[in-house]
Amino acid sequence: MTRILYINPNATEGMTDAIVTTARAALPGVEVAGVTNRDGPPAIEGAEDGEAAVPGVLARVRDARADAIVIACFDDTGLAEARAAAPCPVLGIGQASYVMSGLLGLRFSVVTSVAAAIPVIRGNIDRNGFSGACASVRASGLGVLAIDEGSEATRVQLADAFLRARDEDGAEAVVLGCAGMTGLRDDLAARTGITLIDGVAASAHLALAAARYGGAAS
């Protein structure tokens, strides 16, 4: 059976659990597991947190036994280094979101957590060649752990940011720019009526394809 491993670069176990729940729902019949970088910061909110998380991410990549690995932080923390260290395909949930948006042919906005996250996300979009399809990158003003907690006030604030991305920036879809949003996707889609792209679910489908393609090619 194909095995896909999600590595959460931050140290918050509850977020890992939510990520794995989404990925398993997307891929019934596929073995999906998750590990938490307990050596990382509790949340990744910008470049400094990401740099602090990379050594722990790479340690878990080296220990991994999987047909594909997904880096489960929207910043794609340590993605290039992980690819160099792993014997299998490695994807990031940010990368998967942009690819899925492209496959759907939709102009997208990213709504993320805090303003400190924006430069990393913009850099990733530019490097991956998706700048032309990106309407905007917006900060919701909510911390990662608040998003993961998912209170009613948090959902209202996120929904407002999504609507602004559509109405003010011309986005045809909103990319969930934080792994902590994965469990909120259905509720936020119902509140806004906007096409929402969740990198956790998108990466599950793309990781399975990469694992099977890589296996067939080897």
Protein backbone atom coordinates (compact mmCIF):
# COMPACT_ATOMS: atom_id res chain seq x y z
CA MET A 1 0.00 0.00 0.00
CA THR A 2 1.22 3.50 -0.84
CA ARG A 3 2.35 5.39 2.27
CA ILE A 4 2.28 9.19 2.43
CA LEU A 5 3.90 10.95 5.37
CA TYR A 6 3.02 14.48 6.47
CA ILE A 7 5.73 16.27 8.43
CA ASN A 8 4.42 19.19 10.48
CA PRO A 9 7.34 21.63 10.89
CA ASN A 10 5.85 23.18 14.02
CA ALA A 11 5.55 21.54 17.44
CA THR A 12 1.75 21.64 17.76
CA GLU A 13 0.44 18.07 17.85
CA GLY A 14 -3.20 19.08 17.41
CA MET A 15 -2.40 20.67 14.07
CA THR A 16 -0.71 17.47 12.92
CA ASP A 17 -3.83 15.51 13.86
CA ALA A 18 -6.08 17.86 11.85
CA ILE A 19 -3.75 17.66 8.85
CA VAL A 20 -3.76 13.86 8.88
CA THR A 21 -7.56 13.79 9.24
CA THR A 22 -7.97 15.93 6.11
CA ALA A 23 -5.44 13.92 4.10
CA ARG A 24 -7.01 10.59 5.07
CA ALA A 25 -10.44 11.86 4.07
CA ALA A 26 -9.02 12.89 0.69
CA LEU A 27 -7.35 9.51 0.12
CA PRO A 28 -9.45 6.63 1.47
CA GLY A 29 -7.58 3.37 1.16
CA VAL A 30 -4.14 5.02 1.25
CA GLU A 31 -1.88 4.86 4.30
CA VAL A 32 -1.45 8.41 5.57
CA ALA A 33 0.66 9.18 8.63
CA GLY A 34 1.88 12.33 10.33
CA VAL A 35 4.84 13.32 12.47
CA THR A 36 5.36 16.49 14.48
CA ASN A 37 8.60 18.42 14.66
CA ARG A 38 8.77 18.66 18.44
CA ASP A 39 12.06 20.52 18.06
CA GLY A 40 10.39 23.35 16.16
CA PRO A 41 8.54 26.47 17.32
CA PRO A 42 4.87 26.02 18.31
CA ALA A 43 3.87 28.02 15.21
CA ILE A 44 5.66 29.26 12.11
CA GLU A 45 4.94 32.91 11.47
CA GLY A 46 7.64 34.20 9.17
CA ALA A 47 11.18 33.47 8.03
CA GLU A 48 12.81 33.33 11.46
CA ASP A 49 10.43 30.64 12.73
CA GLY A 50 10.89 28.72 9.49
CA GLU A 51 14.67 28.73 9.78
CA ALA A 52 14.41 27.46 13.35
CA ALA A 53 12.22 24.56 12.20
CA VAL A 54 14.39 23.29 9.34
CA PRO A 55 16.87 21.11 11.32
CA GLY A 56 14.03 19.20 12.96
CA VAL A 57 12.21 18.81 9.66
CA LEU A 58 15.31 17.33 8.04
CA ALA A 59 15.83 14.92 10.94
CA ARG A 60 12.31 13.60 10.40
CA VAL A 61 12.85 13.38 6.65
CA ARG A 62 15.93 11.24 7.23
CA ASP A 63 13.92 8.94 9.53
CA ALA A 64 10.96 8.69 7.17
CA ARG A 65 9.74 5.51 5.54
CA ALA A 66 7.30 6.66 2.88
CA ASP A 67 6.51 6.66 -0.82
CA ALA A 68 6.00 10.44 -0.71
CA ILE A 69 6.51 13.12 1.93
CA VAL A 70 4.52 16.33 2.37
CA ILE A 71 5.89 19.33 4.27
CA ALA A 72 2.77 20.48 6.09
CA CYS A 73 3.48 24.17 6.53
CA PHE A 74 2.16 26.65 4.01
CA ASP A 75 5.59 28.32 3.86
CA ASP A 76 6.96 25.01 2.47
CA THR A 77 9.52 25.13 5.26
CA GLY A 78 12.73 23.33 4.30
CA LEU A 79 11.23 21.94 1.10
CA ALA A 80 14.36 22.24 -1.06
CA GLU A 81 16.56 20.75 1.66
CA ALA A 82 14.08 17.94 2.27
CA ARG A 83 14.02 17.04 -1.41
CA ALA A 84 17.79 16.81 -1.42
CA ALA A 85 17.73 14.50 1.62
CA ALA A 86 14.81 12.20 0.72
CA PRO A 87 14.79 9.16 -1.59
CA CYS A 88 11.13 9.77 -2.51
CA PRO A 89 9.08 12.70 -3.86
CA VAL A 90 8.66 15.62 -1.42
CA LEU A 91 5.91 18.21 -1.82
CA GLY A 92 4.84 21.25 0.17
CA ILE A 93 1.26 22.25 0.90
CA GLY A 94 1.90 25.76 -0.41
CA GLN A 95 3.35 24.40 -3.63
CA ALA A 96 0.42 21.98 -3.98
CA SER A 97 -2.07 24.82 -3.57
CA TYR A 98 -0.51 26.82 -6.40
CA VAL A 99 -0.35 23.79 -8.67
CA MET A 100 -4.00 22.95 -7.98
CA SER A 101 -5.03 26.55 -8.68
CA GLY A 102 -3.20 26.31 -12.00
CA LEU A 103 -4.86 23.01 -12.88
CA LEU A 104 -8.24 24.61 -12.20
CA GLY A 105 -7.32 27.69 -14.22
CA LEU A 106 -8.25 30.06 -11.39
CA ARG A 107 -6.72 33.39 -10.43
CA PHE A 108 -6.09 33.08 -6.71
CA SER A 109 -5.44 35.09 -3.59
CA VAL A 110 -3.66 33.67 -0.56
CA VAL A 111 -5.10 34.52 2.84
CA THR A 112 -2.56 33.71 5.51
CA SER A 113 -2.03 34.35 9.21
CA VAL A 114 0.09 37.41 10.05
CA ALA A 115 1.90 40.02 7.99
CA ALA A 116 5.31 38.49 8.81
CA ALA A 117 4.33 35.46 6.71
CA ILE A 118 3.74 37.45 3.52
CA PRO A 119 7.35 37.88 2.27
CA VAL A 120 8.05 34.13 2.47
CA ILE A 121 4.82 33.30 0.63
CA ARG A 122 5.41 35.90 -2.07
CA GLY A 123 8.94 34.58 -2.57
CA ASN A 124 7.64 31.02 -2.97
CA ILE A 125 5.00 32.12 -5.47
CA ASP A 126 7.62 33.96 -7.52
CA ARG A 127 10.09 31.05 -7.45
CA ASN A 128 7.44 28.56 -8.48
CA GLY A 129 6.30 30.68 -11.42
CA PHE A 130 2.77 31.50 -10.21
CA SER A 131 3.05 35.29 -9.92
CA GLY A 132 0.89 35.89 -12.98
CA ALA A 133 -2.01 33.94 -11.48
CA CYS A 134 -1.77 35.49 -8.01
CA ALA A 135 -4.19 38.34 -7.35
CA SER A 136 -2.90 39.08 -3.85
CA VAL A 137 -1.42 37.78 -0.63
CA ARG A 138 -3.36 38.98 2.40
CA ALA A 139 -2.76 38.63 6.12
CA SER A 140 -5.86 37.86 8.16
CA GLY A 141 -4.23 39.32 11.28
CA LEU A 142 -4.77 36.05 13.14
CA GLY A 143 -1.97 34.02 14.68
CA VAL A 144 -1.46 30.43 13.56
CA LEU A 145 -2.55 28.97 16.89
CA ALA A 146 -5.69 31.12 16.94
CA ILE A 147 -6.53 29.87 13.46
CA ASP A 148 -5.95 26.28 14.54
CA GLU A 149 -8.26 26.80 17.52
CA GLY A 150 -11.00 27.87 15.09
CA SER A 151 -13.29 29.96 17.29
CA GLU A 152 -16.39 31.65 15.88
CA ALA A 153 -14.62 35.02 15.97
CA THR A 154 -11.73 33.52 14.01
CA ARG A 155 -14.06 32.10 11.38
CA VAL A 156 -15.82 35.45 10.96
CA GLN A 157 -12.50 37.25 10.53
CA LEU A 158 -11.22 34.72 7.99
CA ALA A 159 -14.47 34.81 6.02
CA ASP A 160 -14.22 38.60 5.85
CA ALA A 161 -10.65 38.37 4.54
CA PHE A 162 -11.73 35.86 1.89
CA LEU A 163 -14.55 38.10 0.71
CA ARG A 164 -12.22 41.08 0.51
CA ALA A 165 -9.81 39.04 -1.60
CA ARG A 166 -12.64 38.28 -4.01
CA ASP A 167 -14.30 41.69 -4.06
CA GLU A 168 -11.25 43.98 -3.82
CA ASP A 169 -8.53 41.90 -5.51
CA GLY A 170 -10.51 40.02 -8.14
CA ALA A 171 -9.64 36.55 -6.88
CA GLU A 172 -11.55 33.64 -8.39
CA ALA A 173 -10.37 31.33 -5.61
CA VAL A 174 -8.82 31.74 -2.18
CA VAL A 175 -5.90 29.61 -1.13
CA LEU A 176 -5.88 28.74 2.57
CA GLY A 177 -2.50 30.13 3.54
CA CYS A 178 -2.08 28.26 6.81
CA ALA A 179 -2.23 24.55 7.62
CA GLY A 180 -4.36 25.42 10.64
CA MET A 181 -7.21 26.35 8.29
CA THR A 182 -7.64 22.81 6.96
CA GLY A 183 -10.37 21.83 9.42
CA LEU A 184 -12.26 25.07 8.73
CA ARG A 185 -12.46 24.76 4.96
CA ASP A 186 -16.00 23.43 4.58
CA ASP A 187 -17.47 25.92 7.05
CA LEU A 188 -15.67 28.86 5.44
CA ALA A 189 -16.71 27.76 1.96
CA ALA A 190 -20.34 27.65 3.10
CA ARG A 191 -20.06 31.11 4.69
CA THR A 192 -18.49 32.77 1.65
CA GLY A 193 -19.52 30.80 -1.44
CA ILE A 194 -15.92 31.10 -2.68
CA THR A 195 -13.83 28.29 -4.15
CA LEU A 196 -11.31 27.51 -1.41
CA ILE A 197 -8.13 25.58 -2.12
CA ASP A 198 -6.75 23.70 0.85
CA GLY A 199 -3.12 22.71 0.42
CA VAL A 200 -3.49 19.70 2.70
CA ALA A 201 -6.15 18.08 0.52
CA ALA A 202 -4.47 19.22 -2.69
CA SER A 203 -1.12 17.81 -1.58
CA ALA A 204 -2.71 14.46 -0.73
CA HIS A 205 -3.87 13.95 -4.31
CA LEU A 206 -0.65 15.27 -5.83
CA ALA A 207 1.55 13.25 -3.46
CA LEU A 208 -0.28 10.06 -4.37
CA ALA A 209 0.21 10.81 -8.06
CA ALA A 210 3.89 11.60 -7.52
CA ALA A 211 4.43 8.42 -5.50
CA ARG A 212 2.79 6.25 -8.14
CA TYR A 213 4.48 8.00 -11.03
CA GLY A 214 7.85 7.82 -9.32
CA GLY A 215 7.35 4.15 -8.56
CA ALA A 216 6.39 3.41 -12.15
CA ALA A 217 9.43 5.29 -13.42
CA SER A 218 11.94 3.58 -11.16
